[in-house]
Amino acid sequence: MIAWLTRHLQTLIGSLGRLSQQKFSTLLTMLVIGIALALPTCLHVLVSNAQRATGDWNRALDISVFLKRPTSASEAKQIADRIGQRRDVAEVRLITAEEGLKEFKQQSGFGAAIDALNENPLPHALIVRPDAQYVSADSLASLAASIRELPSVDIVQLDTGWVDRLNAILAAIGRAVVIATAVLALGVLVIVGNTIRLDIQNRRPEIEVTKLVGGSDAFVRRPFLYSGVWYGLGGALLAWIITAVIVAALREPVSRIAVLYGSSFEVSSLDLRSSLHLMLMGAALGWIGSFLSASRHLRDIEPS
C-alpha cells in the first residue's frame, strides 16, 4: 500500500512538473476552463446574494394589524404580547391611537384640520415583524390568518404578491444556473479531453516503449489522469479569482444602492463551502475528461 501511494504521489508531482514545462499552453487551457466555470459560479453568487438580501428586507415583510375602535391601550398591549410569543414572530411594535395621530399630524400637513376633530379617528395598530426563518409566502399567509382570528382585530394588511414573484424569479435563475452548469461542464470535459488527446499524440513514442516493456493501459493512463486533475483545479482556481474580482467591483455600487434604500446589505463572494465545491467540481471534471480521452486514444496505440 505504501509503495502504491508513493507511486501515485510521484505521478501526481511528475504530471505537475510536466505541465510547468509548458507554462503558456497550460495557462491558456486553465484560463479557458476558468472562464467556463466562472459563469455558473457568478450566477450562483447572484442567487445567493439575492436570497440573502430578501432575508434583510424584514421591514418590507411587516404585517400591519389594526384593532377595533373600542379596544383600549391595555387590551392592545395584551394582544401584542400574545402575538410576540409566537415562534414565527421576531418583534411586535404597538402604535397607540395617540401616537398614530401625532405622527399623522406631523407627516400629513393637515395639523389644523385634525385639531378641529372632536375625537381621535385612528385605532390602535400593531406592526408585526416575522422571524427571518418564516418569511416564505405560505408562512406569512399562515401568520396573517392566525392574527385575523384574534379578538379585537379588525384589519390585517399583508402583501405577499411581490414575495411570490421574487421567489419565482429566484427559482427561474436557480434553474438557469443548473442548466448553465451542465452545459459548461460538458464544455470543460471537451476542453480537457482534447488537451489530453494532443498530449497523448505528442508522447506517442514514449507510450509505445512503455507498453513494449509491459506497461498496462492503466499504468500509462495514470499521469494523464493527474494532468486532467491539475487542469481542472487550475481552472477552478481561476474561476474563483474571476468571481472574486467581479464581486469586488460590484460591492461598492451595490452598497451605495442599499444605503439609499435604508439597508446595510453588502455583496458577499463565495463562502468556504462553495469554494471547496468549486474546486472539487473542477478536479472531478478534469479527471473525467482525461479518463474518457485517455481510455479512448490509448487503446489505439500499440507497439509495432
C-alpha atoms as a PDB file:
ATOM      1  CA  MET A   1       0.000   0.000   0.000  1.00  0.00           C
ATOM      2  CA  ILE A   2       2.855   2.391   0.849  1.00  0.00           C
ATOM      3  CA  ALA A   3       4.519   1.627  -2.489  1.00  0.00           C
ATOM      4  CA  TRP A   4       1.200   2.186  -4.302  1.00  0.00           C
ATOM      5  CA  LEU A   5       0.629   5.526  -2.591  1.00  0.00           C
ATOM      6  CA  THR A   6       4.242   6.563  -3.205  1.00  0.00           C
ATOM      7  CA  ARG A   7       3.921   5.785  -6.904  1.00  0.00           C
ATOM      8  CA  HIS A   8       0.718   7.810  -7.188  1.00  0.00           C
ATOM      9  CA  LEU A   9       2.308  10.728  -5.353  1.00  0.00           C
ATOM     10  CA  GLN A  10       5.301  10.590  -7.683  1.00  0.00           C
ATOM     11  CA  THR A  11       2.997  10.567 -10.687  1.00  0.00           C
ATOM     12  CA  LEU A  12       0.969  13.466  -9.260  1.00  0.00           C
ATOM     13  CA  ILE A  13       4.060  15.608  -8.757  1.00  0.00           C
ATOM     14  CA  GLY A  14       5.574  14.476 -12.051  1.00  0.00           C
ATOM     15  CA  SER A  15       2.467  15.464 -14.028  1.00  0.00           C
ATOM     16  CA  LEU A  16       2.546  18.908 -12.410  1.00  0.00           C
ATOM     17  CA  GLY A  17       6.221  19.245 -13.334  1.00  0.00           C
ATOM     18  CA  ARG A  18       5.479  18.302 -16.946  1.00  0.00           C
ATOM     19  CA  LEU A  19       2.716  20.920 -17.113  1.00  0.00           C
ATOM     20  CA  SER A  20       5.078  23.545 -15.687  1.00  0.00           C
ATOM     21  CA  GLN A  21       7.408  22.933 -18.626  1.00  0.00           C
ATOM     22  CA  GLN A  22       4.654  24.192 -20.936  1.00  0.00           C
ATOM     23  CA  LYS A  23       3.584  27.226 -18.934  1.00  0.00           C
ATOM     24  CA  PHE A  24       1.911  29.232 -21.685  1.00  0.00           C
ATOM     25  CA  SER A  25      -0.231  26.456 -23.179  1.00  0.00           C
ATOM     26  CA  THR A  26      -1.113  25.160 -19.710  1.00  0.00           C
ATOM     27  CA  LEU A  27      -2.174  28.634 -18.583  1.00  0.00           C
ATOM     28  CA  LEU A  28      -4.315  29.117 -21.684  1.00  0.00           C
ATOM     29  CA  THR A  29      -6.081  25.805 -21.114  1.00  0.00           C
ATOM     30  CA  MET A  30      -6.708  26.597 -17.456  1.00  0.00           C
ATOM     31  CA  LEU A  31      -7.936  30.073 -18.378  1.00  0.00           C
ATOM     32  CA  VAL A  32     -10.488  28.666 -20.830  1.00  0.00           C
ATOM     33  CA  ILE A  33     -11.687  26.231 -18.163  1.00  0.00           C
ATOM     34  CA  GLY A  34     -11.774  29.048 -15.603  1.00  0.00           C
ATOM     35  CA  ILE A  35     -13.936  31.240 -17.821  1.00  0.00           C
ATOM     36  CA  ALA A  36     -16.281  28.319 -18.456  1.00  0.00           C
ATOM     37  CA  LEU A  37     -16.630  27.664 -14.712  1.00  0.00           C
ATOM     38  CA  ALA A  38     -16.851  31.361 -13.795  1.00  0.00           C
ATOM     39  CA  LEU A  39     -20.242  31.880 -15.470  1.00  0.00           C
ATOM     40  CA  PRO A  40     -22.251  29.386 -13.364  1.00  0.00           C
ATOM     41  CA  THR A  41     -20.222  30.415 -10.316  1.00  0.00           C
ATOM     42  CA  CYS A  42     -21.192  34.067 -10.775  1.00  0.00           C
ATOM     43  CA  LEU A  43     -24.829  33.064 -11.274  1.00  0.00           C
ATOM     44  CA  HIS A  44     -24.661  31.064  -8.039  1.00  0.00           C
ATOM     45  CA  VAL A  45     -23.255  34.085  -6.203  1.00  0.00           C
ATOM     46  CA  LEU A  46     -26.046  36.232  -7.696  1.00  0.00           C
ATOM     47  CA  VAL A  47     -28.772  33.876  -6.449  1.00  0.00           C
ATOM     48  CA  SER A  48     -27.136  33.521  -3.016  1.00  0.00           C
ATOM     49  CA  ASN A  49     -26.907  37.283  -2.560  1.00  0.00           C
ATOM     50  CA  ALA A  50     -30.475  37.796  -3.768  1.00  0.00           C
ATOM     51  CA  GLN A  51     -31.760  35.229  -1.276  1.00  0.00           C
ATOM     52  CA  ARG A  52     -29.719  36.830   1.491  1.00  0.00           C
ATOM     53  CA  ALA A  53     -30.997  40.275   0.515  1.00  0.00           C
ATOM     54  CA  THR A  54     -34.616  39.125   0.796  1.00  0.00           C
ATOM     55  CA  GLY A  55     -33.822  37.974   4.305  1.00  0.00           C
ATOM     56  CA  ASP A  56     -32.632  41.510   5.127  1.00  0.00           C
ATOM     57  CA  TRP A  57     -35.830  43.107   3.831  1.00  0.00           C
ATOM     58  CA  ASN A  58     -37.702  42.372   7.038  1.00  0.00           C
ATOM     59  CA  ARG A  59     -39.281  45.809   7.047  1.00  0.00           C
ATOM     60  CA  ALA A  60     -40.932  45.111   3.687  1.00  0.00           C
ATOM     61  CA  LEU A  61     -42.434  41.917   5.166  1.00  0.00           C
ATOM     62  CA  ASP A  62     -44.007  43.633   8.176  1.00  0.00           C
ATOM     63  CA  ILE A  63     -47.671  42.847   8.824  1.00  0.00           C
ATOM     64  CA  SER A  64     -49.894  45.810   9.760  1.00  0.00           C
ATOM     65  CA  VAL A  65     -52.637  44.937  12.250  1.00  0.00           C
ATOM     66  CA  PHE A  66     -55.406  47.450  13.021  1.00  0.00           C
ATOM     67  CA  LEU A  67     -57.529  46.850  16.101  1.00  0.00           C
ATOM     68  CA  LYS A  68     -61.204  47.661  16.518  1.00  0.00           C
ATOM     69  CA  ARG A  69     -62.038  51.127  17.803  1.00  0.00           C
ATOM     70  CA  PRO A  70     -63.400  50.191  21.278  1.00  0.00           C
ATOM     71  CA  THR A  71     -60.151  48.352  22.121  1.00  0.00           C
ATOM     72  CA  SER A  72     -58.251  50.018  24.963  1.00  0.00           C
ATOM     73  CA  ALA A  73     -54.498  50.545  25.113  1.00  0.00           C
ATOM     74  CA  SER A  74     -54.109  47.861  27.803  1.00  0.00           C
ATOM     75  CA  GLU A  75     -56.009  45.339  25.680  1.00  0.00           C
ATOM     76  CA  ALA A  76     -53.874  46.260  22.672  1.00  0.00           C
ATOM     77  CA  LYS A  77     -50.758  45.640  24.778  1.00  0.00           C
ATOM     78  CA  GLN A  78     -52.062  42.197  25.764  1.00  0.00           C
ATOM     79  CA  ILE A  79     -52.731  41.310  22.123  1.00  0.00           C
ATOM     80  CA  ALA A  80     -49.219  42.482  21.173  1.00  0.00           C
ATOM     81  CA  ASP A  81     -47.691  40.324  23.912  1.00  0.00           C
ATOM     82  CA  ARG A  82     -49.723  37.330  22.770  1.00  0.00           C
ATOM     83  CA  ILE A  83     -48.579  37.694  19.167  1.00  0.00           C
ATOM     84  CA  GLY A  84     -44.980  38.267  20.258  1.00  0.00           C
ATOM     85  CA  GLN A  85     -44.890  34.855  21.964  1.00  0.00           C
ATOM     86  CA  ARG A  86     -45.204  33.057  18.635  1.00  0.00           C
ATOM     87  CA  ARG A  87     -42.019  31.427  17.354  1.00  0.00           C
ATOM     88  CA  ASP A  88     -42.599  32.790  13.842  1.00  0.00           C
ATOM     89  CA  VAL A  89     -42.678  36.391  15.106  1.00  0.00           C
ATOM     90  CA  ALA A  90     -39.471  38.318  15.739  1.00  0.00           C
ATOM     91  CA  GLU A  91     -40.907  41.595  17.005  1.00  0.00           C
ATOM     92  CA  VAL A  92     -44.250  43.303  17.658  1.00  0.00           C
ATOM     93  CA  ARG A  93     -44.480  47.090  17.951  1.00  0.00           C
ATOM     94  CA  LEU A  94     -47.565  48.753  19.368  1.00  0.00           C
ATOM     95  CA  ILE A  95     -48.621  52.115  17.972  1.00  0.00           C
ATOM     96  CA  THR A  96     -51.358  53.609  20.093  1.00  0.00           C
ATOM     97  CA  ALA A  97     -54.049  55.782  18.579  1.00  0.00           C
ATOM     98  CA  GLU A  98     -52.494  58.873  20.180  1.00  0.00           C
ATOM     99  CA  GLU A  99     -49.064  58.079  18.755  1.00  0.00           C
ATOM    100  CA  GLY A 100     -50.553  57.382  15.353  1.00  0.00           C
ATOM    101  CA  LEU A 101     -52.470  60.670  15.344  1.00  0.00           C
ATOM    102  CA  LYS A 102     -49.388  62.604  16.379  1.00  0.00           C
ATOM    103  CA  GLU A 103     -47.296  61.036  13.635  1.00  0.00           C
ATOM    104  CA  PHE A 104     -50.048  61.639  11.065  1.00  0.00           C
ATOM    105  CA  LYS A 105     -50.246  65.318  12.028  1.00  0.00           C
ATOM    106  CA  GLN A 106     -46.503  65.713  11.558  1.00  0.00           C
ATOM    107  CA  GLN A 107     -46.331  63.971   8.185  1.00  0.00           C
ATOM    108  CA  SER A 108     -49.648  64.846   6.524  1.00  0.00           C
ATOM    109  CA  GLY A 109     -49.609  68.616   6.790  1.00  0.00           C
ATOM    110  CA  PHE A 110     -53.247  68.695   7.962  1.00  0.00           C
ATOM    111  CA  GLY A 111     -52.481  69.567  11.563  1.00  0.00           C
ATOM    112  CA  ALA A 112     -55.058  72.382  11.822  1.00  0.00           C
ATOM    113  CA  ALA A 113     -57.836  70.265  10.332  1.00  0.00           C
ATOM    114  CA  ILE A 114     -57.010  67.355  12.652  1.00  0.00           C
ATOM    115  CA  ASP A 115     -57.097  69.646  15.689  1.00  0.00           C
ATOM    116  CA  ALA A 116     -60.671  70.510  14.789  1.00  0.00           C
ATOM    117  CA  LEU A 117     -61.795  66.884  15.236  1.00  0.00           C
ATOM    118  CA  ASN A 118     -63.790  66.071  18.346  1.00  0.00           C
ATOM    119  CA  GLU A 119     -62.183  62.642  18.789  1.00  0.00           C
ATOM    120  CA  ASN A 120     -59.283  60.587  17.526  1.00  0.00           C
ATOM    121  CA  PRO A 121     -60.466  58.622  14.476  1.00  0.00           C
ATOM    122  CA  LEU A 122     -57.430  56.318  14.397  1.00  0.00           C
ATOM    123  CA  PRO A 123     -57.379  52.841  16.002  1.00  0.00           C
ATOM    124  CA  HIS A 124     -54.530  51.205  17.869  1.00  0.00           C
ATOM    125  CA  ALA A 125     -52.169  49.431  15.483  1.00  0.00           C
ATOM    126  CA  LEU A 126     -49.569  46.673  15.667  1.00  0.00           C
ATOM    127  CA  ILE A 127     -46.540  46.237  13.431  1.00  0.00           C
ATOM    128  CA  VAL A 128     -45.678  42.529  13.369  1.00  0.00           C
ATOM    129  CA  ARG A 129     -42.257  41.595  12.045  1.00  0.00           C
ATOM    130  CA  PRO A 130     -41.947  37.878  11.168  1.00  0.00           C
ATOM    131  CA  ASP A 131     -38.908  35.840  12.095  1.00  0.00           C
ATOM    132  CA  ALA A 132     -36.272  35.523   9.349  1.00  0.00           C
ATOM    133  CA  GLN A 133     -36.870  31.755   9.175  1.00  0.00           C
ATOM    134  CA  TYR A 134     -40.565  32.226   8.395  1.00  0.00           C
ATOM    135  CA  VAL A 135     -40.592  34.716   5.520  1.00  0.00           C
ATOM    136  CA  SER A 136     -41.930  32.455   2.787  1.00  0.00           C
ATOM    137  CA  ALA A 137     -45.269  33.356   1.252  1.00  0.00           C
ATOM    138  CA  ASP A 138     -47.024  30.378   2.876  1.00  0.00           C
ATOM    139  CA  SER A 139     -45.598  31.169   6.328  1.00  0.00           C
ATOM    140  CA  LEU A 140     -46.613  34.818   6.091  1.00  0.00           C
ATOM    141  CA  ALA A 141     -50.105  33.924   4.932  1.00  0.00           C
ATOM    142  CA  SER A 142     -50.477  31.463   7.806  1.00  0.00           C
ATOM    143  CA  LEU A 143     -49.305  34.071  10.319  1.00  0.00           C
ATOM    144  CA  ALA A 144     -51.709  36.676   8.956  1.00  0.00           C
ATOM    145  CA  ALA A 145     -54.622  34.206   9.093  1.00  0.00           C
ATOM    146  CA  SER A 146     -53.846  33.379  12.732  1.00  0.00           C
ATOM    147  CA  ILE A 147     -53.736  37.060  13.659  1.00  0.00           C
ATOM    148  CA  ARG A 148     -57.101  37.700  11.978  1.00  0.00           C
ATOM    149  CA  GLU A 149     -58.711  35.164  14.324  1.00  0.00           C
ATOM    150  CA  LEU A 150     -57.637  37.056  17.437  1.00  0.00           C
ATOM    151  CA  PRO A 151     -60.277  39.084  19.294  1.00  0.00           C
ATOM    152  CA  SER A 152     -60.405  42.843  18.705  1.00  0.00           C
ATOM    153  CA  VAL A 153     -58.510  42.507  15.398  1.00  0.00           C
ATOM    154  CA  ASP A 154     -60.208  44.461  12.641  1.00  0.00           C
ATOM    155  CA  ILE A 155     -57.872  44.592   9.618  1.00  0.00           C
ATOM    156  CA  VAL A 156     -54.682  42.683   8.779  1.00  0.00           C
ATOM    157  CA  GLN A 157     -52.675  44.052   5.844  1.00  0.00           C
ATOM    158  CA  LEU A 158     -50.142  41.817   4.127  1.00  0.00           C
ATOM    159  CA  ASP A 159     -48.885  41.964   0.557  1.00  0.00           C
ATOM    160  CA  THR A 160     -47.155  38.692  -0.361  1.00  0.00           C
ATOM    161  CA  GLY A 161     -47.569  39.076  -4.100  1.00  0.00           C
ATOM    162  CA  TRP A 162     -44.096  40.539  -4.530  1.00  0.00           C
ATOM    163  CA  VAL A 163     -42.681  37.726  -2.393  1.00  0.00           C
ATOM    164  CA  ASP A 164     -44.208  35.145  -4.734  1.00  0.00           C
ATOM    165  CA  ARG A 165     -42.882  36.988  -7.768  1.00  0.00           C
ATOM    166  CA  LEU A 166     -39.396  37.308  -6.282  1.00  0.00           C
ATOM    167  CA  ASN A 167     -39.281  33.634  -5.284  1.00  0.00           C
ATOM    168  CA  ALA A 168     -40.419  32.667  -8.783  1.00  0.00           C
ATOM    169  CA  ILE A 169     -37.661  34.783 -10.313  1.00  0.00           C
ATOM    170  CA  LEU A 170     -35.047  33.280  -7.989  1.00  0.00           C
ATOM    171  CA  ALA A 171     -36.308  29.774  -8.796  1.00  0.00           C
ATOM    172  CA  ALA A 172     -36.017  30.501 -12.528  1.00  0.00           C
ATOM    173  CA  ILE A 173     -32.480  31.851 -12.085  1.00  0.00           C
ATOM    174  CA  GLY A 174     -31.620  28.800  -9.978  1.00  0.00           C
ATOM    175  CA  ARG A 175     -32.823  26.536 -12.786  1.00  0.00           C
ATOM    176  CA  ALA A 176     -30.739  28.584 -15.228  1.00  0.00           C
ATOM    177  CA  VAL A 177     -27.693  28.048 -13.001  1.00  0.00           C
ATOM    178  CA  VAL A 178     -28.219  24.281 -13.120  1.00  0.00           C
ATOM    179  CA  ILE A 179     -28.621  24.271 -16.919  1.00  0.00           C
ATOM    180  CA  ALA A 180     -25.612  26.560 -17.443  1.00  0.00           C
ATOM    181  CA  THR A 181     -23.519  24.423 -15.117  1.00  0.00           C
ATOM    182  CA  ALA A 182     -24.428  21.246 -17.025  1.00  0.00           C
ATOM    183  CA  VAL A 183     -23.709  22.777 -20.436  1.00  0.00           C
ATOM    184  CA  LEU A 184     -20.433  24.380 -19.391  1.00  0.00           C
ATOM    185  CA  ALA A 185     -19.376  21.232 -17.538  1.00  0.00           C
ATOM    186  CA  LEU A 186     -19.747  19.388 -20.829  1.00  0.00           C
ATOM    187  CA  GLY A 187     -17.602  22.080 -22.420  1.00  0.00           C
ATOM    188  CA  VAL A 188     -14.922  21.573 -19.756  1.00  0.00           C
ATOM    189  CA  LEU A 189     -14.933  17.836 -20.468  1.00  0.00           C
ATOM    190  CA  VAL A 190     -14.386  18.545 -24.167  1.00  0.00           C
ATOM    191  CA  ILE A 191     -11.577  21.032 -23.454  1.00  0.00           C
ATOM    192  CA  VAL A 192      -9.740  18.673 -21.110  1.00  0.00           C
ATOM    193  CA  GLY A 193     -10.340  15.696 -23.375  1.00  0.00           C
ATOM    194  CA  ASN A 194      -8.944  17.477 -26.421  1.00  0.00           C
ATOM    195  CA  THR A 195      -5.918  18.717 -24.464  1.00  0.00           C
ATOM    196  CA  ILE A 196      -5.165  15.210 -23.199  1.00  0.00           C
ATOM    197  CA  ARG A 197      -5.586  13.831 -26.726  1.00  0.00           C
ATOM    198  CA  LEU A 198      -2.945  16.243 -28.026  1.00  0.00           C
ATOM    199  CA  ASP A 199      -0.659  15.345 -25.125  1.00  0.00           C
ATOM    200  CA  ILE A 200      -1.056  11.650 -25.918  1.00  0.00           C
ATOM    201  CA  GLN A 201      -0.189  12.244 -29.554  1.00  0.00           C
ATOM    202  CA  ASN A 202       2.924  14.201 -28.595  1.00  0.00           C
ATOM    203  CA  ARG A 203       4.060  11.405 -26.285  1.00  0.00           C
ATOM    204  CA  ARG A 204       3.179   8.526 -28.597  1.00  0.00           C
ATOM    205  CA  PRO A 205       6.755   7.137 -28.891  1.00  0.00           C
ATOM    206  CA  GLU A 206       7.103   7.148 -25.092  1.00  0.00           C
ATOM    207  CA  ILE A 207       3.773   5.348 -24.700  1.00  0.00           C
ATOM    208  CA  GLU A 208       4.761   2.686 -27.264  1.00  0.00           C
ATOM    209  CA  VAL A 209       8.006   1.977 -25.419  1.00  0.00           C
ATOM    210  CA  THR A 210       6.174   1.760 -22.075  1.00  0.00           C
ATOM    211  CA  LYS A 211       3.690  -0.738 -23.499  1.00  0.00           C
ATOM    212  CA  LEU A 212       6.519  -2.674 -25.152  1.00  0.00           C
ATOM    213  CA  VAL A 213       8.139  -3.368 -21.762  1.00  0.00           C
ATOM    214  CA  GLY A 214       4.817  -4.478 -20.242  1.00  0.00           C
ATOM    215  CA  GLY A 215       3.121  -1.276 -19.091  1.00  0.00           C
ATOM    216  CA  SER A 216      -0.659  -1.660 -18.942  1.00  0.00           C
ATOM    217  CA  ASP A 217      -3.161   0.883 -20.207  1.00  0.00           C
ATOM    218  CA  ALA A 218      -3.989   1.797 -16.586  1.00  0.00           C
ATOM    219  CA  PHE A 219      -0.321   2.458 -15.835  1.00  0.00           C
ATOM    220  CA  VAL A 220       0.139   4.560 -18.968  1.00  0.00           C
ATOM    221  CA  ARG A 221      -3.133   6.416 -18.348  1.00  0.00           C
ATOM    222  CA  ARG A 222      -2.285   7.442 -14.770  1.00  0.00           C
ATOM    223  CA  PRO A 223      -0.148  10.558 -15.480  1.00  0.00           C
ATOM    224  CA  PHE A 224      -2.752  11.841 -17.940  1.00  0.00           C
ATOM    225  CA  LEU A 225      -5.457  11.493 -15.289  1.00  0.00           C
ATOM    226  CA  TYR A 226      -3.449  13.580 -12.861  1.00  0.00           C
ATOM    227  CA  SER A 227      -2.780  16.139 -15.597  1.00  0.00           C
ATOM    228  CA  GLY A 228      -6.537  16.417 -16.065  1.00  0.00           C
ATOM    229  CA  VAL A 229      -6.962  16.922 -12.316  1.00  0.00           C
ATOM    230  CA  TRP A 230      -4.391  19.742 -12.375  1.00  0.00           C
ATOM    231  CA  TYR A 231      -6.128  21.344 -15.354  1.00  0.00           C
ATOM    232  CA  GLY A 232      -9.456  21.209 -13.519  1.00  0.00           C
ATOM    233  CA  LEU A 233      -8.057  22.550 -10.245  1.00  0.00           C
ATOM    234  CA  GLY A 234      -6.244  25.366 -12.022  1.00  0.00           C
ATOM    235  CA  GLY A 235      -9.364  26.291 -13.956  1.00  0.00           C
ATOM    236  CA  ALA A 236     -11.462  26.243 -10.783  1.00  0.00           C
ATOM    237  CA  LEU A 237      -8.950  28.481  -9.020  1.00  0.00           C
ATOM    238  CA  LEU A 238      -9.056  30.960 -11.905  1.00  0.00           C
ATOM    239  CA  ALA A 239     -12.878  30.835 -11.825  1.00  0.00           C
ATOM    240  CA  TRP A 240     -12.760  31.673  -8.108  1.00  0.00           C
ATOM    241  CA  ILE A 241     -10.425  34.605  -8.789  1.00  0.00           C
ATOM    242  CA  ILE A 242     -12.637  35.905 -11.626  1.00  0.00           C
ATOM    243  CA  THR A 243     -15.712  35.689  -9.393  1.00  0.00           C
ATOM    244  CA  ALA A 244     -13.924  37.447  -6.522  1.00  0.00           C
ATOM    245  CA  VAL A 245     -12.832  40.276  -8.838  1.00  0.00           C
ATOM    246  CA  ILE A 246     -16.377  40.735 -10.174  1.00  0.00           C
ATOM    247  CA  VAL A 247     -17.831  40.766  -6.648  1.00  0.00           C
ATOM    248  CA  ALA A 248     -15.202  43.274  -5.508  1.00  0.00           C
ATOM    249  CA  ALA A 249     -16.058  45.531  -8.438  1.00  0.00           C
ATOM    250  CA  LEU A 250     -19.790  45.405  -7.626  1.00  0.00           C
ATOM    251  CA  ARG A 251     -19.554  45.662  -3.831  1.00  0.00           C
ATOM    252  CA  GLU A 252     -19.233  49.465  -3.597  1.00  0.00           C
ATOM    253  CA  PRO A 253     -22.061  50.466  -6.024  1.00  0.00           C
ATOM    254  CA  VAL A 254     -24.408  47.830  -4.584  1.00  0.00           C
ATOM    255  CA  SER A 255     -23.687  49.055  -1.066  1.00  0.00           C
ATOM    256  CA  ARG A 256     -24.463  52.616  -2.183  1.00  0.00           C
ATOM    257  CA  ILE A 257     -27.815  51.493  -3.582  1.00  0.00           C
ATOM    258  CA  ALA A 258     -28.570  49.578  -0.381  1.00  0.00           C
ATOM    259  CA  VAL A 259     -27.895  52.691   1.710  1.00  0.00           C
ATOM    260  CA  LEU A 260     -30.345  54.666  -0.415  1.00  0.00           C
ATOM    261  CA  TYR A 261     -32.998  52.079   0.445  1.00  0.00           C
ATOM    262  CA  GLY A 262     -32.117  52.130   4.137  1.00  0.00           C
ATOM    263  CA  SER A 263     -30.393  48.742   4.151  1.00  0.00           C
ATOM    264  CA  SER A 264     -26.935  47.622   5.277  1.00  0.00           C
ATOM    265  CA  PHE A 265     -26.726  44.860   2.661  1.00  0.00           C
ATOM    266  CA  GLU A 266     -23.302  44.068   1.205  1.00  0.00           C
ATOM    267  CA  VAL A 267     -22.447  41.734  -1.650  1.00  0.00           C
ATOM    268  CA  SER A 268     -20.606  38.630  -0.492  1.00  0.00           C
ATOM    269  CA  SER A 269     -18.432  36.306  -2.531  1.00  0.00           C
ATOM    270  CA  LEU A 270     -18.165  32.517  -2.323  1.00  0.00           C
ATOM    271  CA  ASP A 271     -18.026  31.104   1.181  1.00  0.00           C
ATOM    272  CA  LEU A 272     -15.636  28.320   2.188  1.00  0.00           C
ATOM    273  CA  ARG A 273     -18.106  25.543   1.446  1.00  0.00           C
ATOM    274  CA  SER A 274     -18.972  26.846  -2.030  1.00  0.00           C
ATOM    275  CA  SER A 275     -15.287  27.391  -2.775  1.00  0.00           C
ATOM    276  CA  LEU A 276     -14.499  23.786  -1.863  1.00  0.00           C
ATOM    277  CA  HIS A 277     -17.382  22.593  -4.041  1.00  0.00           C
ATOM    278  CA  LEU A 278     -15.981  24.614  -6.940  1.00  0.00           C
ATOM    279  CA  MET A 279     -12.507  23.102  -6.518  1.00  0.00           C
ATOM    280  CA  LEU A 280     -13.897  19.580  -6.232  1.00  0.00           C
ATOM    281  CA  MET A 281     -16.086  20.074  -9.292  1.00  0.00           C
ATOM    282  CA  GLY A 282     -13.123  21.369 -11.307  1.00  0.00           C
ATOM    283  CA  ALA A 283     -10.921  18.443 -10.266  1.00  0.00           C
ATOM    284  CA  ALA A 284     -13.705  15.930 -10.960  1.00  0.00           C
ATOM    285  CA  LEU A 285     -14.421  17.353 -14.414  1.00  0.00           C
ATOM    286  CA  GLY A 286     -10.706  17.310 -15.228  1.00  0.00           C
ATOM    287  CA  TRP A 287     -10.395  13.685 -14.108  1.00  0.00           C
ATOM    288  CA  ILE A 288     -13.479  12.541 -16.015  1.00  0.00           C
ATOM    289  CA  GLY A 289     -12.453  14.370 -19.201  1.00  0.00           C
ATOM    290  CA  SER A 290      -8.932  12.978 -19.111  1.00  0.00           C
ATOM    291  CA  PHE A 291     -10.161   9.470 -18.271  1.00  0.00           C
ATOM    292  CA  LEU A 292     -12.554   9.385 -21.226  1.00  0.00           C
ATOM    293  CA  SER A 293      -9.998  10.795 -23.643  1.00  0.00           C
ATOM    294  CA  ALA A 294      -7.045   8.706 -22.431  1.00  0.00           C
ATOM    295  CA  SER A 295      -9.054   5.469 -22.363  1.00  0.00           C
ATOM    296  CA  ARG A 296     -10.244   6.103 -25.907  1.00  0.00           C
ATOM    297  CA  HIS A 297      -6.910   7.024 -27.501  1.00  0.00           C
ATOM    298  CA  LEU A 298      -4.553   4.743 -25.569  1.00  0.00           C
ATOM    299  CA  ARG A 299      -6.368   1.704 -26.954  1.00  0.00           C
ATOM    300  CA  ASP A 300      -5.307   2.756 -30.455  1.00  0.00           C
ATOM    301  CA  ILE A 301      -1.632   2.881 -29.570  1.00  0.00           C
ATOM    302  CA  GLU A 302       0.179  -0.442 -29.730  1.00  0.00           C
ATOM    303  CA  PRO A 303       3.943  -1.044 -30.071  1.00  0.00           C
ATOM    304  CA  SER A 304       4.917  -2.048 -33.600  1.00  0.00           C
END
